[in-house]
Amino acid sequence: MTPKALLFVLGWFAILAAVGTLMHIDLIDRRYYPDQQQEHSAIIKHSASAPYQYRILQPALVEVVLRASRAKRHTTAYDLLFMGSYAAIRFFAILTTFAAVFFSLRLTWTADMALFATTALAAFIPFTYRYYYYQPTSVVEMAFFGLGLLTVCTRTPSALLPLVAIGTLNRETMCFIPFMYFLYWLPKLWQKEWVWLVVSALAWIVIFVGLRVLWPAHSNLTSVSKSLSKNLTLSRGYLDLITILAPSILVFLRARQLPAPYLRLALCSFPWLLLHFFTATWYEIRYFMPVLIWLLPSLVFVYSKEGSMMENAKSVGGNAVFRAPQPYR
């Protein structure tokens, strides 16, 4: 891929990231700004409810900017810096997601196919701006899982530790990154990969437990009984859930055709769905963007296979044999 073509691709992703960021400002940030400030302040003062008490990465970064500017609360400068700082994080998180996913898919498929798949992923992002007022963790979580996919596809186990260590300060679900690496490379794991997997898992445990010891929360919003009650009785949002998980249906209809690593990666979705069924409210569909990232290699495989079979059939009377892209390099 030429530098000029790469610059075009990254420019396109920057446009998509800007669109997603501006839509969030219009739909969420301007509408719920006072509530966002209140939640931000509670996290900074370590008085928020669990689990938000421990998701300190973004509030801490934004607070550094606010304090460095010395802008006073309830002033226009403060408000613009507050909203602008969160918007900047969102922009770079979305851009990072697209770039990481593109380069992951580019390892196996053409640039055109990788660009198409990444743009398709972008189409789902505005759909997730529903049913919340302050959840900046979700978009950064998506970026970490995009980087996690790149780590898996490039087989770079040393990247697991920083991803888990930093990402857990944003949301607790970073334990899934070593898990997806483990599942993808399971039959061929090297000794050094086992070491990095264990080290990253231990880092997650230390940070997860350490935050709760350091800043105990006065209340906990996570309740298995309440989550189960809502998810089993509320009809609200089930159409949204079905829509965002529809790609998984396409994948599992072709499960037998998939390379084993792609199928195992897609299977990360099941523990993820169970976790959020028991501990969260399903209709908040922002939770399911990582699932789409896990499904993308399988979706591209199925799409490229079907397309190539059709082209081969047209060109040689249906007697061509499709050669699937190899998931290992």
C-alpha atoms as a PDB file:
ATOM      1  CA  MET A   1       0.000   0.000   0.000  1.00  0.00           C
ATOM      2  CA  THR A   2       1.492   3.312  -1.057  1.00  0.00           C
ATOM      3  CA  PRO A   3       1.933   6.203   1.421  1.00  0.00           C
ATOM      4  CA  LYS A   4      -0.540   8.252  -0.625  1.00  0.00           C
ATOM      5  CA  ALA A   5      -3.184   5.537  -0.451  1.00  0.00           C
ATOM      6  CA  LEU A   6      -2.597   5.082   3.282  1.00  0.00           C
ATOM      7  CA  LEU A   7      -2.976   8.823   3.825  1.00  0.00           C
ATOM      8  CA  PHE A   8      -6.292   8.709   1.974  1.00  0.00           C
ATOM      9  CA  VAL A   9      -7.520   5.832   4.123  1.00  0.00           C
ATOM     10  CA  LEU A  10      -6.525   7.531   7.374  1.00  0.00           C
ATOM     11  CA  GLY A  11      -8.133  10.767   6.158  1.00  0.00           C
ATOM     12  CA  TRP A  12     -11.355   8.883   5.479  1.00  0.00           C
ATOM     13  CA  PHE A  13     -11.268   7.384   8.963  1.00  0.00           C
ATOM     14  CA  ALA A  14     -10.656  10.837  10.450  1.00  0.00           C
ATOM     15  CA  ILE A  15     -13.775  12.109   8.667  1.00  0.00           C
ATOM     16  CA  LEU A  16     -15.837   9.202  10.010  1.00  0.00           C
ATOM     17  CA  ALA A  17     -14.447   9.770  13.516  1.00  0.00           C
ATOM     18  CA  ALA A  18     -15.289  13.474  13.325  1.00  0.00           C
ATOM     19  CA  VAL A  19     -18.844  12.665  12.212  1.00  0.00           C
ATOM     20  CA  GLY A  20     -19.275  10.224  15.103  1.00  0.00           C
ATOM     21  CA  THR A  21     -17.863  12.754  17.565  1.00  0.00           C
ATOM     22  CA  LEU A  22     -20.038  15.642  16.383  1.00  0.00           C
ATOM     23  CA  MET A  23     -23.136  13.456  16.466  1.00  0.00           C
ATOM     24  CA  HIS A  24     -22.356  12.550  20.082  1.00  0.00           C
ATOM     25  CA  ILE A  25     -21.966  16.229  20.994  1.00  0.00           C
ATOM     26  CA  ASP A  26     -25.369  17.035  19.479  1.00  0.00           C
ATOM     27  CA  LEU A  27     -27.261  13.980  20.761  1.00  0.00           C
ATOM     28  CA  ILE A  28     -25.693  13.465  24.191  1.00  0.00           C
ATOM     29  CA  ASP A  29     -23.184  16.046  25.414  1.00  0.00           C
ATOM     30  CA  ARG A  30     -25.148  19.256  24.932  1.00  0.00           C
ATOM     31  CA  ARG A  31     -28.330  17.654  26.191  1.00  0.00           C
ATOM     32  CA  TYR A  32     -26.891  16.150  29.379  1.00  0.00           C
ATOM     33  CA  TYR A  33     -23.979  18.450  30.165  1.00  0.00           C
ATOM     34  CA  PRO A  34     -24.950  19.200  33.823  1.00  0.00           C
ATOM     35  CA  ASP A  35     -25.366  15.490  34.582  1.00  0.00           C
ATOM     36  CA  GLN A  36     -22.025  14.733  32.942  1.00  0.00           C
ATOM     37  CA  GLN A  37     -20.292  17.351  35.089  1.00  0.00           C
ATOM     38  CA  GLN A  38     -21.836  15.906  38.223  1.00  0.00           C
ATOM     39  CA  GLU A  39     -20.735  12.349  37.427  1.00  0.00           C
ATOM     40  CA  HIS A  40     -17.264  13.521  36.414  1.00  0.00           C
ATOM     41  CA  SER A  41     -16.836  15.373  39.699  1.00  0.00           C
ATOM     42  CA  ALA A  42     -18.004  12.370  41.700  1.00  0.00           C
ATOM     43  CA  ILE A  43     -15.417  10.142  40.018  1.00  0.00           C
ATOM     44  CA  ILE A  44     -12.628  12.686  40.565  1.00  0.00           C
ATOM     45  CA  LYS A  45     -13.568  13.006  44.248  1.00  0.00           C
ATOM     46  CA  HIS A  46     -13.839   9.199  44.564  1.00  0.00           C
ATOM     47  CA  SER A  47     -17.430   9.456  45.730  1.00  0.00           C
ATOM     48  CA  ALA A  48     -19.147   7.809  42.766  1.00  0.00           C
ATOM     49  CA  SER A  49     -20.961   4.507  42.879  1.00  0.00           C
ATOM     50  CA  ALA A  50     -19.250   1.324  41.735  1.00  0.00           C
ATOM     51  CA  PRO A  51     -18.264   0.529  39.043  1.00  0.00           C
ATOM     52  CA  TYR A  52     -17.924   4.141  37.835  1.00  0.00           C
ATOM     53  CA  GLN A  53     -15.766   4.909  40.864  1.00  0.00           C
ATOM     54  CA  TYR A  54     -12.986   2.813  39.344  1.00  0.00           C
ATOM     55  CA  ARG A  55     -13.196   3.985  35.728  1.00  0.00           C
ATOM     56  CA  ILE A  56     -10.834   6.853  36.299  1.00  0.00           C
ATOM     57  CA  LEU A  57      -8.798   7.049  33.097  1.00  0.00           C
ATOM     58  CA  GLN A  58     -10.787   9.593  31.116  1.00  0.00           C
ATOM     59  CA  PRO A  59     -12.038  11.746  34.018  1.00  0.00           C
ATOM     60  CA  ALA A  60      -8.439  12.005  35.251  1.00  0.00           C
ATOM     61  CA  LEU A  61      -7.168  13.089  31.828  1.00  0.00           C
ATOM     62  CA  VAL A  62      -9.926  15.676  31.439  1.00  0.00           C
ATOM     63  CA  GLU A  63      -9.354  16.958  34.977  1.00  0.00           C
ATOM     64  CA  VAL A  64      -5.646  17.491  34.220  1.00  0.00           C
ATOM     65  CA  VAL A  65      -6.622  19.711  31.283  1.00  0.00           C
ATOM     66  CA  LEU A  66      -9.170  21.639  33.360  1.00  0.00           C
ATOM     67  CA  ARG A  67      -6.758  22.283  36.215  1.00  0.00           C
ATOM     68  CA  ALA A  68      -3.897  23.218  33.904  1.00  0.00           C
ATOM     69  CA  SER A  69      -6.126  25.791  32.202  1.00  0.00           C
ATOM     70  CA  ARG A  70      -7.170  27.270  35.592  1.00  0.00           C
ATOM     71  CA  ALA A  71     -10.595  27.902  34.098  1.00  0.00           C
ATOM     72  CA  LYS A  72     -13.269  28.521  36.721  1.00  0.00           C
ATOM     73  CA  ARG A  73     -16.359  26.364  36.942  1.00  0.00           C
ATOM     74  CA  HIS A  74     -19.569  27.704  35.452  1.00  0.00           C
ATOM     75  CA  THR A  75     -17.676  29.783  32.904  1.00  0.00           C
ATOM     76  CA  THR A  76     -17.786  29.438  29.144  1.00  0.00           C
ATOM     77  CA  ALA A  77     -14.086  28.553  29.008  1.00  0.00           C
ATOM     78  CA  TYR A  78     -14.532  25.763  31.541  1.00  0.00           C
ATOM     79  CA  ASP A  79     -17.574  24.370  29.755  1.00  0.00           C
ATOM     80  CA  LEU A  80     -15.839  24.383  26.373  1.00  0.00           C
ATOM     81  CA  LEU A  81     -12.744  22.701  27.807  1.00  0.00           C
ATOM     82  CA  PHE A  82     -14.800  20.075  29.595  1.00  0.00           C
ATOM     83  CA  MET A  83     -16.880  19.156  26.581  1.00  0.00           C
ATOM     84  CA  GLY A  84     -13.999  19.591  24.168  1.00  0.00           C
ATOM     85  CA  SER A  85     -11.659  17.350  26.157  1.00  0.00           C
ATOM     86  CA  TYR A  86     -14.141  14.491  26.241  1.00  0.00           C
ATOM     87  CA  ALA A  87     -14.893  15.062  22.547  1.00  0.00           C
ATOM     88  CA  ALA A  88     -11.186  14.932  21.691  1.00  0.00           C
ATOM     89  CA  ILE A  89     -10.819  11.625  23.532  1.00  0.00           C
ATOM     90  CA  ARG A  90     -13.845  10.275  21.693  1.00  0.00           C
ATOM     91  CA  PHE A  91     -12.471  11.388  18.325  1.00  0.00           C
ATOM     92  CA  PHE A  92      -9.074   9.772  18.839  1.00  0.00           C
ATOM     93  CA  ALA A  93     -10.651   6.627  20.291  1.00  0.00           C
ATOM     94  CA  ILE A  94     -12.879   6.180  17.244  1.00  0.00           C
ATOM     95  CA  LEU A  95      -9.986   6.953  14.895  1.00  0.00           C
ATOM     96  CA  THR A  96      -7.760   4.467  16.728  1.00  0.00           C
ATOM     97  CA  THR A  97     -10.463   1.813  16.473  1.00  0.00           C
ATOM     98  CA  PHE A  98     -10.798   2.247  12.725  1.00  0.00           C
ATOM     99  CA  ALA A  99      -7.052   2.283  12.108  1.00  0.00           C
ATOM    100  CA  ALA A 100      -6.443  -0.788  14.286  1.00  0.00           C
ATOM    101  CA  VAL A 101      -9.265  -2.765  12.689  1.00  0.00           C
ATOM    102  CA  PHE A 102      -8.163  -1.771   9.185  1.00  0.00           C
ATOM    103  CA  PHE A 103      -4.551  -2.831   9.732  1.00  0.00           C
ATOM    104  CA  SER A 104      -5.725  -6.071  11.358  1.00  0.00           C
ATOM    105  CA  LEU A 105      -7.839  -7.021   8.350  1.00  0.00           C
ATOM    106  CA  ARG A 106      -5.237  -5.734   5.898  1.00  0.00           C
ATOM    107  CA  LEU A 107      -2.864  -8.496   7.048  1.00  0.00           C
ATOM    108  CA  THR A 108      -5.029 -11.044   5.244  1.00  0.00           C
ATOM    109  CA  TRP A 109      -7.242  -9.200   2.773  1.00  0.00           C
ATOM    110  CA  THR A 110      -6.874  -6.421   0.239  1.00  0.00           C
ATOM    111  CA  ALA A 111      -6.925  -2.778   1.281  1.00  0.00           C
ATOM    112  CA  ASP A 112     -10.303  -2.355  -0.433  1.00  0.00           C
ATOM    113  CA  MET A 113     -11.844  -5.182   1.566  1.00  0.00           C
ATOM    114  CA  ALA A 114     -10.346  -3.938   4.838  1.00  0.00           C
ATOM    115  CA  LEU A 115     -11.576  -0.404   4.098  1.00  0.00           C
ATOM    116  CA  PHE A 116     -15.071  -1.627   3.300  1.00  0.00           C
ATOM    117  CA  ALA A 117     -15.294  -3.705   6.496  1.00  0.00           C
ATOM    118  CA  THR A 118     -14.028  -0.875   8.687  1.00  0.00           C
ATOM    119  CA  THR A 119     -16.480   1.575   7.149  1.00  0.00           C
ATOM    120  CA  ALA A 120     -19.277  -0.928   7.787  1.00  0.00           C
ATOM    121  CA  LEU A 121     -18.212  -1.025  11.443  1.00  0.00           C
ATOM    122  CA  ALA A 122     -18.413   2.772  11.542  1.00  0.00           C
ATOM    123  CA  ALA A 123     -22.043   2.622  10.468  1.00  0.00           C
ATOM    124  CA  PHE A 124     -23.001   1.010  13.790  1.00  0.00           C
ATOM    125  CA  ILE A 125     -21.413   3.609  16.075  1.00  0.00           C
ATOM    126  CA  PRO A 126     -24.143   6.313  15.972  1.00  0.00           C
ATOM    127  CA  PHE A 127     -26.694   3.563  16.657  1.00  0.00           C
ATOM    128  CA  THR A 128     -25.063   2.998  20.055  1.00  0.00           C
ATOM    129  CA  TYR A 129     -25.684   6.589  21.219  1.00  0.00           C
ATOM    130  CA  ARG A 130     -28.847   5.543  23.004  1.00  0.00           C
ATOM    131  CA  TYR A 131     -30.119   5.196  26.559  1.00  0.00           C
ATOM    132  CA  TYR A 132     -27.302   6.954  28.457  1.00  0.00           C
ATOM    133  CA  TYR A 133     -26.047  10.398  29.436  1.00  0.00           C
ATOM    134  CA  TYR A 134     -22.407   9.830  30.449  1.00  0.00           C
ATOM    135  CA  GLN A 135     -20.601   6.718  29.297  1.00  0.00           C
ATOM    136  CA  PRO A 136     -17.282   7.824  27.801  1.00  0.00           C
ATOM    137  CA  THR A 137     -15.766   4.486  28.768  1.00  0.00           C
ATOM    138  CA  SER A 138     -17.542   2.607  25.987  1.00  0.00           C
ATOM    139  CA  VAL A 139     -15.835   4.298  23.045  1.00  0.00           C
ATOM    140  CA  VAL A 140     -12.368   3.981  24.609  1.00  0.00           C
ATOM    141  CA  GLU A 141     -13.131   0.356  25.431  1.00  0.00           C
ATOM    142  CA  MET A 142     -13.889  -0.141  21.737  1.00  0.00           C
ATOM    143  CA  ALA A 143     -10.491   1.349  20.840  1.00  0.00           C
ATOM    144  CA  PHE A 144      -8.696  -1.022  23.207  1.00  0.00           C
ATOM    145  CA  PHE A 145     -10.473  -3.990  21.649  1.00  0.00           C
ATOM    146  CA  GLY A 146      -9.529  -2.726  18.191  1.00  0.00           C
ATOM    147  CA  LEU A 147      -5.903  -2.624  19.346  1.00  0.00           C
ATOM    148  CA  GLY A 148      -6.452  -6.034  20.907  1.00  0.00           C
ATOM    149  CA  LEU A 149      -7.505  -7.427  17.529  1.00  0.00           C
ATOM    150  CA  LEU A 150      -4.364  -5.964  15.968  1.00  0.00           C
ATOM    151  CA  THR A 151      -2.294  -7.546  18.743  1.00  0.00           C
ATOM    152  CA  VAL A 152      -3.887 -10.917  18.029  1.00  0.00           C
ATOM    153  CA  CYS A 153      -3.537 -10.728  14.259  1.00  0.00           C
ATOM    154  CA  THR A 154       0.088  -9.570  14.370  1.00  0.00           C
ATOM    155  CA  ARG A 155       0.857 -12.070  17.118  1.00  0.00           C
ATOM    156  CA  THR A 156       2.433  -9.511  19.427  1.00  0.00           C
ATOM    157  CA  PRO A 157       1.931 -10.892  22.960  1.00  0.00           C
ATOM    158  CA  SER A 158       4.077  -8.202  24.587  1.00  0.00           C
ATOM    159  CA  ALA A 159       1.344  -5.669  23.743  1.00  0.00           C
ATOM    160  CA  LEU A 160      -1.139  -7.482  25.993  1.00  0.00           C
ATOM    161  CA  LEU A 161       0.301  -6.061  29.210  1.00  0.00           C
ATOM    162  CA  PRO A 162       0.033  -2.321  28.388  1.00  0.00           C
ATOM    163  CA  LEU A 163      -3.387  -2.796  26.823  1.00  0.00           C
ATOM    164  CA  VAL A 164      -4.713  -4.544  29.919  1.00  0.00           C
ATOM    165  CA  ALA A 165      -2.917  -2.309  32.428  1.00  0.00           C
ATOM    166  CA  ILE A 166      -4.074   0.975  30.899  1.00  0.00           C
ATOM    167  CA  GLY A 167      -7.418  -0.237  29.613  1.00  0.00           C
ATOM    168  CA  THR A 168      -8.561  -1.585  32.993  1.00  0.00           C
ATOM    169  CA  LEU A 169      -8.408   1.979  34.329  1.00  0.00           C
ATOM    170  CA  ASN A 170     -11.127   2.709  31.785  1.00  0.00           C
ATOM    171  CA  ARG A 171     -13.314  -0.417  32.138  1.00  0.00           C
ATOM    172  CA  GLU A 172     -12.970  -3.787  33.792  1.00  0.00           C
ATOM    173  CA  THR A 173     -13.630  -5.788  30.634  1.00  0.00           C
ATOM    174  CA  MET A 174      -9.991  -5.667  29.508  1.00  0.00           C
ATOM    175  CA  CYS A 175      -9.592  -9.221  30.815  1.00  0.00           C
ATOM    176  CA  PHE A 176     -11.192 -10.251  27.504  1.00  0.00           C
ATOM    177  CA  ILE A 177      -8.148  -9.094  25.517  1.00  0.00           C
ATOM    178  CA  PRO A 178      -5.826 -11.875  26.784  1.00  0.00           C
ATOM    179  CA  PHE A 179      -8.795 -14.226  26.485  1.00  0.00           C
ATOM    180  CA  MET A 180      -9.286 -13.449  22.782  1.00  0.00           C
ATOM    181  CA  TYR A 181      -5.539 -13.878  22.180  1.00  0.00           C
ATOM    182  CA  PHE A 182      -5.632 -17.200  24.005  1.00  0.00           C
ATOM    183  CA  LEU A 183      -8.588 -18.500  21.993  1.00  0.00           C
ATOM    184  CA  TYR A 184      -7.228 -17.400  18.623  1.00  0.00           C
ATOM    185  CA  TRP A 185      -3.753 -18.913  19.003  1.00  0.00           C
ATOM    186  CA  LEU A 186      -4.690 -21.761  21.356  1.00  0.00           C
ATOM    187  CA  PRO A 187      -3.362 -24.702  19.286  1.00  0.00           C
ATOM    188  CA  LYS A 188      -0.074 -22.936  18.554  1.00  0.00           C
ATOM    189  CA  LEU A 189       0.730 -20.953  21.696  1.00  0.00           C
ATOM    190  CA  TRP A 190       4.417 -20.506  22.340  1.00  0.00           C
ATOM    191  CA  GLN A 191       6.007 -20.561  25.787  1.00  0.00           C
ATOM    192  CA  LYS A 192       6.640 -16.799  25.784  1.00  0.00           C
ATOM    193  CA  GLU A 193       2.999 -16.222  24.874  1.00  0.00           C
ATOM    194  CA  TRP A 194       1.890 -18.174  27.944  1.00  0.00           C
ATOM    195  CA  VAL A 195       4.152 -15.916  30.012  1.00  0.00           C
ATOM    196  CA  TRP A 196       2.602 -12.732  28.610  1.00  0.00           C
ATOM    197  CA  LEU A 197      -0.906 -14.131  29.016  1.00  0.00           C
ATOM    198  CA  VAL A 198      -0.295 -14.947  32.675  1.00  0.00           C
ATOM    199  CA  VAL A 199       1.428 -11.618  33.368  1.00  0.00           C
ATOM    200  CA  SER A 200      -1.366  -9.606  31.745  1.00  0.00           C
ATOM    201  CA  ALA A 201      -4.000 -11.600  33.649  1.00  0.00           C
ATOM    202  CA  LEU A 202      -2.187 -10.941  36.924  1.00  0.00           C
ATOM    203  CA  ALA A 203      -1.936  -7.234  36.048  1.00  0.00           C
ATOM    204  CA  TRP A 204      -5.683  -7.135  35.514  1.00  0.00           C
ATOM    205  CA  ILE A 205      -6.322  -8.770  38.892  1.00  0.00           C
ATOM    206  CA  VAL A 206      -3.948  -6.393  40.707  1.00  0.00           C
ATOM    207  CA  ILE A 207      -5.519  -3.280  39.144  1.00  0.00           C
ATOM    208  CA  PHE A 208      -9.080  -4.538  39.489  1.00  0.00           C
ATOM    209  CA  VAL A 209      -8.657  -5.371  43.182  1.00  0.00           C
ATOM    210  CA  GLY A 210      -6.294  -2.478  43.933  1.00  0.00           C
ATOM    211  CA  LEU A 211      -8.731   0.194  42.779  1.00  0.00           C
ATOM    212  CA  ARG A 212     -11.431  -1.234  45.010  1.00  0.00           C
ATOM    213  CA  VAL A 213      -9.135  -1.331  48.012  1.00  0.00           C
ATOM    214  CA  LEU A 214      -7.806   2.170  47.347  1.00  0.00           C
ATOM    215  CA  TRP A 215     -11.170   3.850  46.788  1.00  0.00           C
ATOM    216  CA  PRO A 216     -14.034   1.801  48.271  1.00  0.00           C
ATOM    217  CA  ALA A 217     -17.378   2.812  46.782  1.00  0.00           C
ATOM    218  CA  HIS A 218     -20.263   3.801  49.044  1.00  0.00           C
ATOM    219  CA  SER A 219     -22.736   1.980  46.790  1.00  0.00           C
ATOM    220  CA  ASN A 220     -22.707  -0.529  43.961  1.00  0.00           C
ATOM    221  CA  LEU A 221     -24.870  -0.225  40.872  1.00  0.00           C
ATOM    222  CA  THR A 222     -24.060  -3.765  39.746  1.00  0.00           C
ATOM    223  CA  SER A 223     -26.765  -6.142  40.888  1.00  0.00           C
ATOM    224  CA  VAL A 224     -27.272  -9.559  39.339  1.00  0.00           C
ATOM    225  CA  SER A 225     -30.846  -9.818  40.572  1.00  0.00           C
ATOM    226  CA  LYS A 226     -31.828  -6.371  39.258  1.00  0.00           C
ATOM    227  CA  SER A 227     -30.118  -6.946  35.926  1.00  0.00           C
ATOM    228  CA  LEU A 228     -31.814 -10.304  35.483  1.00  0.00           C
ATOM    229  CA  SER A 229     -35.173  -8.837  36.392  1.00  0.00           C
ATOM    230  CA  LYS A 230     -34.807  -6.033  33.851  1.00  0.00           C
ATOM    231  CA  ASN A 231     -33.418  -8.183  31.077  1.00  0.00           C
ATOM    232  CA  LEU A 232     -36.089 -10.849  31.471  1.00  0.00           C
ATOM    233  CA  THR A 233     -39.065  -8.528  31.743  1.00  0.00           C
ATOM    234  CA  LEU A 234     -38.321  -5.360  29.782  1.00  0.00           C
ATOM    235  CA  SER A 235     -39.309  -5.452  26.124  1.00  0.00           C
ATOM    236  CA  ARG A 236     -37.609  -2.105  25.553  1.00  0.00           C
ATOM    237  CA  GLY A 237     -34.489  -2.349  23.457  1.00  0.00           C
ATOM    238  CA  TYR A 238     -34.768  -5.931  22.306  1.00  0.00           C
ATOM    239  CA  LEU A 239     -35.154  -4.830  18.693  1.00  0.00           C
ATOM    240  CA  ASP A 240     -31.983  -2.748  19.138  1.00  0.00           C
ATOM    241  CA  LEU A 241     -30.178  -5.736  20.592  1.00  0.00           C
ATOM    242  CA  ILE A 242     -31.269  -8.017  17.764  1.00  0.00           C
ATOM    243  CA  THR A 243     -30.181  -5.429  15.203  1.00  0.00           C
ATOM    244  CA  ILE A 244     -26.671  -4.904  16.540  1.00  0.00           C
ATOM    245  CA  LEU A 245     -26.146  -8.641  17.041  1.00  0.00           C
ATOM    246  CA  ALA A 246     -27.532  -9.548  13.606  1.00  0.00           C
ATOM    247  CA  PRO A 247     -24.004  -9.921  12.135  1.00  0.00           C
ATOM    248  CA  SER A 248     -23.413 -12.764  14.585  1.00  0.00           C
ATOM    249  CA  ILE A 249     -26.292 -14.649  12.968  1.00  0.00           C
ATOM    250  CA  LEU A 250     -24.618 -14.300   9.575  1.00  0.00           C
ATOM    251  CA  VAL A 251     -21.378 -15.608  11.036  1.00  0.00           C
ATOM    252  CA  PHE A 252     -22.814 -18.624  12.805  1.00  0.00           C
ATOM    253  CA  LEU A 253     -24.877 -19.614   9.770  1.00  0.00           C
ATOM    254  CA  ARG A 254     -21.491 -20.179   8.095  1.00  0.00           C
ATOM    255  CA  ALA A 255     -19.685 -21.484  11.175  1.00  0.00           C
ATOM    256  CA  ARG A 256     -18.583 -24.723   9.504  1.00  0.00           C
ATOM    257  CA  GLN A 257     -16.845 -22.799   6.721  1.00  0.00           C
ATOM    258  CA  LEU A 258     -14.828 -20.564   9.025  1.00  0.00           C
ATOM    259  CA  PRO A 259     -11.153 -21.095   9.809  1.00  0.00           C
ATOM    260  CA  ALA A 260     -10.908 -22.359  13.384  1.00  0.00           C
ATOM    261  CA  PRO A 261      -9.144 -19.219  14.755  1.00  0.00           C
ATOM    262  CA  TYR A 262     -11.870 -16.961  13.377  1.00  0.00           C
ATOM    263  CA  LEU A 263     -14.590 -19.116  14.856  1.00  0.00           C
ATOM    264  CA  ARG A 264     -12.906 -19.189  18.269  1.00  0.00           C
ATOM    265  CA  LEU A 265     -12.524 -15.413  18.142  1.00  0.00           C
ATOM    266  CA  ALA A 266     -16.223 -15.050  17.338  1.00  0.00           C
ATOM    267  CA  LEU A 267     -17.051 -17.327  20.266  1.00  0.00           C
ATOM    268  CA  CYS A 268     -15.714 -14.624  22.624  1.00  0.00           C
ATOM    269  CA  SER A 269     -19.185 -13.147  22.145  1.00  0.00           C
ATOM    270  CA  PHE A 270     -20.911 -15.783  24.281  1.00  0.00           C
ATOM    271  CA  PRO A 271     -19.188 -15.085  27.641  1.00  0.00           C
ATOM    272  CA  TRP A 272     -19.485 -11.387  26.848  1.00  0.00           C
ATOM    273  CA  LEU A 273     -23.238 -11.680  26.337  1.00  0.00           C
ATOM    274  CA  LEU A 274     -23.637 -13.727  29.527  1.00  0.00           C
ATOM    275  CA  LEU A 275     -21.615 -11.194  31.527  1.00  0.00           C
ATOM    276  CA  HIS A 276     -23.782  -8.305  30.390  1.00  0.00           C
ATOM    277  CA  PHE A 277     -26.986 -10.272  30.749  1.00  0.00           C
ATOM    278  CA  PHE A 278     -26.243 -10.855  34.452  1.00  0.00           C
ATOM    279  CA  THR A 279     -24.575  -7.543  35.342  1.00  0.00           C
ATOM    280  CA  ALA A 280     -25.901  -4.859  32.975  1.00  0.00           C
ATOM    281  CA  THR A 281     -28.993  -3.708  31.139  1.00  0.00           C
ATOM    282  CA  TRP A 282     -29.093  -5.247  27.701  1.00  0.00           C
ATOM    283  CA  TYR A 283     -30.881  -2.416  25.958  1.00  0.00           C
ATOM    284  CA  GLU A 284     -27.813  -0.192  26.385  1.00  0.00           C
ATOM    285  CA  ILE A 285     -26.447  -1.410  23.077  1.00  0.00           C
ATOM    286  CA  ARG A 286     -23.153   0.476  23.447  1.00  0.00           C
ATOM    287  CA  TYR A 287     -21.998  -2.659  25.256  1.00  0.00           C
ATOM    288  CA  PHE A 288     -21.902  -4.703  22.064  1.00  0.00           C
ATOM    289  CA  MET A 289     -19.452  -2.844  19.826  1.00  0.00           C
ATOM    290  CA  PRO A 290     -16.588  -5.160  20.917  1.00  0.00           C
ATOM    291  CA  VAL A 291     -18.684  -8.096  19.692  1.00  0.00           C
ATOM    292  CA  LEU A 292     -18.743  -6.584  16.203  1.00  0.00           C
ATOM    293  CA  ILE A 293     -14.961  -6.233  16.274  1.00  0.00           C
ATOM    294  CA  TRP A 294     -14.566  -9.927  17.146  1.00  0.00           C
ATOM    295  CA  LEU A 295     -16.948 -10.878  14.359  1.00  0.00           C
ATOM    296  CA  LEU A 296     -15.309  -8.816  11.614  1.00  0.00           C
ATOM    297  CA  PRO A 297     -12.650 -11.353  10.515  1.00  0.00           C
ATOM    298  CA  SER A 298     -15.352 -13.999  10.194  1.00  0.00           C
ATOM    299  CA  LEU A 299     -17.716 -11.657   8.373  1.00  0.00           C
ATOM    300  CA  VAL A 300     -15.031 -10.598   5.912  1.00  0.00           C
ATOM    301  CA  PHE A 301     -14.086 -14.219   5.363  1.00  0.00           C
ATOM    302  CA  VAL A 302     -17.683 -15.212   4.605  1.00  0.00           C
ATOM    303  CA  TYR A 303     -18.266 -12.162   2.423  1.00  0.00           C
ATOM    304  CA  SER A 304     -15.046 -12.588   0.434  1.00  0.00           C
ATOM    305  CA  LYS A 305     -15.641 -16.312   0.028  1.00  0.00           C
ATOM    306  CA  GLU A 306     -19.175 -15.877  -1.256  1.00  0.00           C
ATOM    307  CA  GLY A 307     -18.089 -13.058  -3.581  1.00  0.00           C
ATOM    308  CA  SER A 308     -15.141 -15.004  -4.963  1.00  0.00           C
ATOM    309  CA  MET A 309     -17.260 -18.088  -5.545  1.00  0.00           C
ATOM    310  CA  MET A 310     -19.754 -16.020  -7.519  1.00  0.00           C
ATOM    311  CA  GLU A 311     -17.005 -14.426  -9.627  1.00  0.00           C
ATOM    312  CA  ASN A 312     -15.302 -17.765 -10.231  1.00  0.00           C
ATOM    313  CA  ALA A 313     -18.593 -19.359 -11.175  1.00  0.00           C
ATOM    314  CA  LYS A 314     -19.247 -16.642 -13.732  1.00  0.00           C
ATOM    315  CA  SER A 315     -15.790 -16.870 -15.256  1.00  0.00           C
ATOM    316  CA  VAL A 316     -15.341 -20.651 -15.491  1.00  0.00           C
ATOM    317  CA  GLY A 317     -18.841 -22.001 -15.538  1.00  0.00           C
ATOM    318  CA  GLY A 318     -19.076 -22.797 -11.843  1.00  0.00           C
ATOM    319  CA  ASN A 319     -16.143 -25.196 -11.711  1.00  0.00           C
ATOM    320  CA  ALA A 320     -13.666 -22.963  -9.884  1.00  0.00           C
ATOM    321  CA  VAL A 321     -12.396 -23.829  -6.442  1.00  0.00           C
ATOM    322  CA  PHE A 322     -12.229 -21.001  -3.944  1.00  0.00           C
ATOM    323  CA  ARG A 323      -9.008 -20.612  -2.005  1.00  0.00           C
ATOM    324  CA  ALA A 324      -9.765 -19.029   1.330  1.00  0.00           C
ATOM    325  CA  PRO A 325      -7.503 -16.353   2.817  1.00  0.00           C
ATOM    326  CA  GLN A 326      -5.176 -17.800   5.427  1.00  0.00           C
ATOM    327  CA  PRO A 327      -5.657 -16.498   8.985  1.00  0.00           C
ATOM    328  CA  TYR A 328      -2.039 -17.250   9.898  1.00  0.00           C
ATOM    329  CA  ARG A 329       0.859 -15.360   8.387  1.00  0.00           C
END
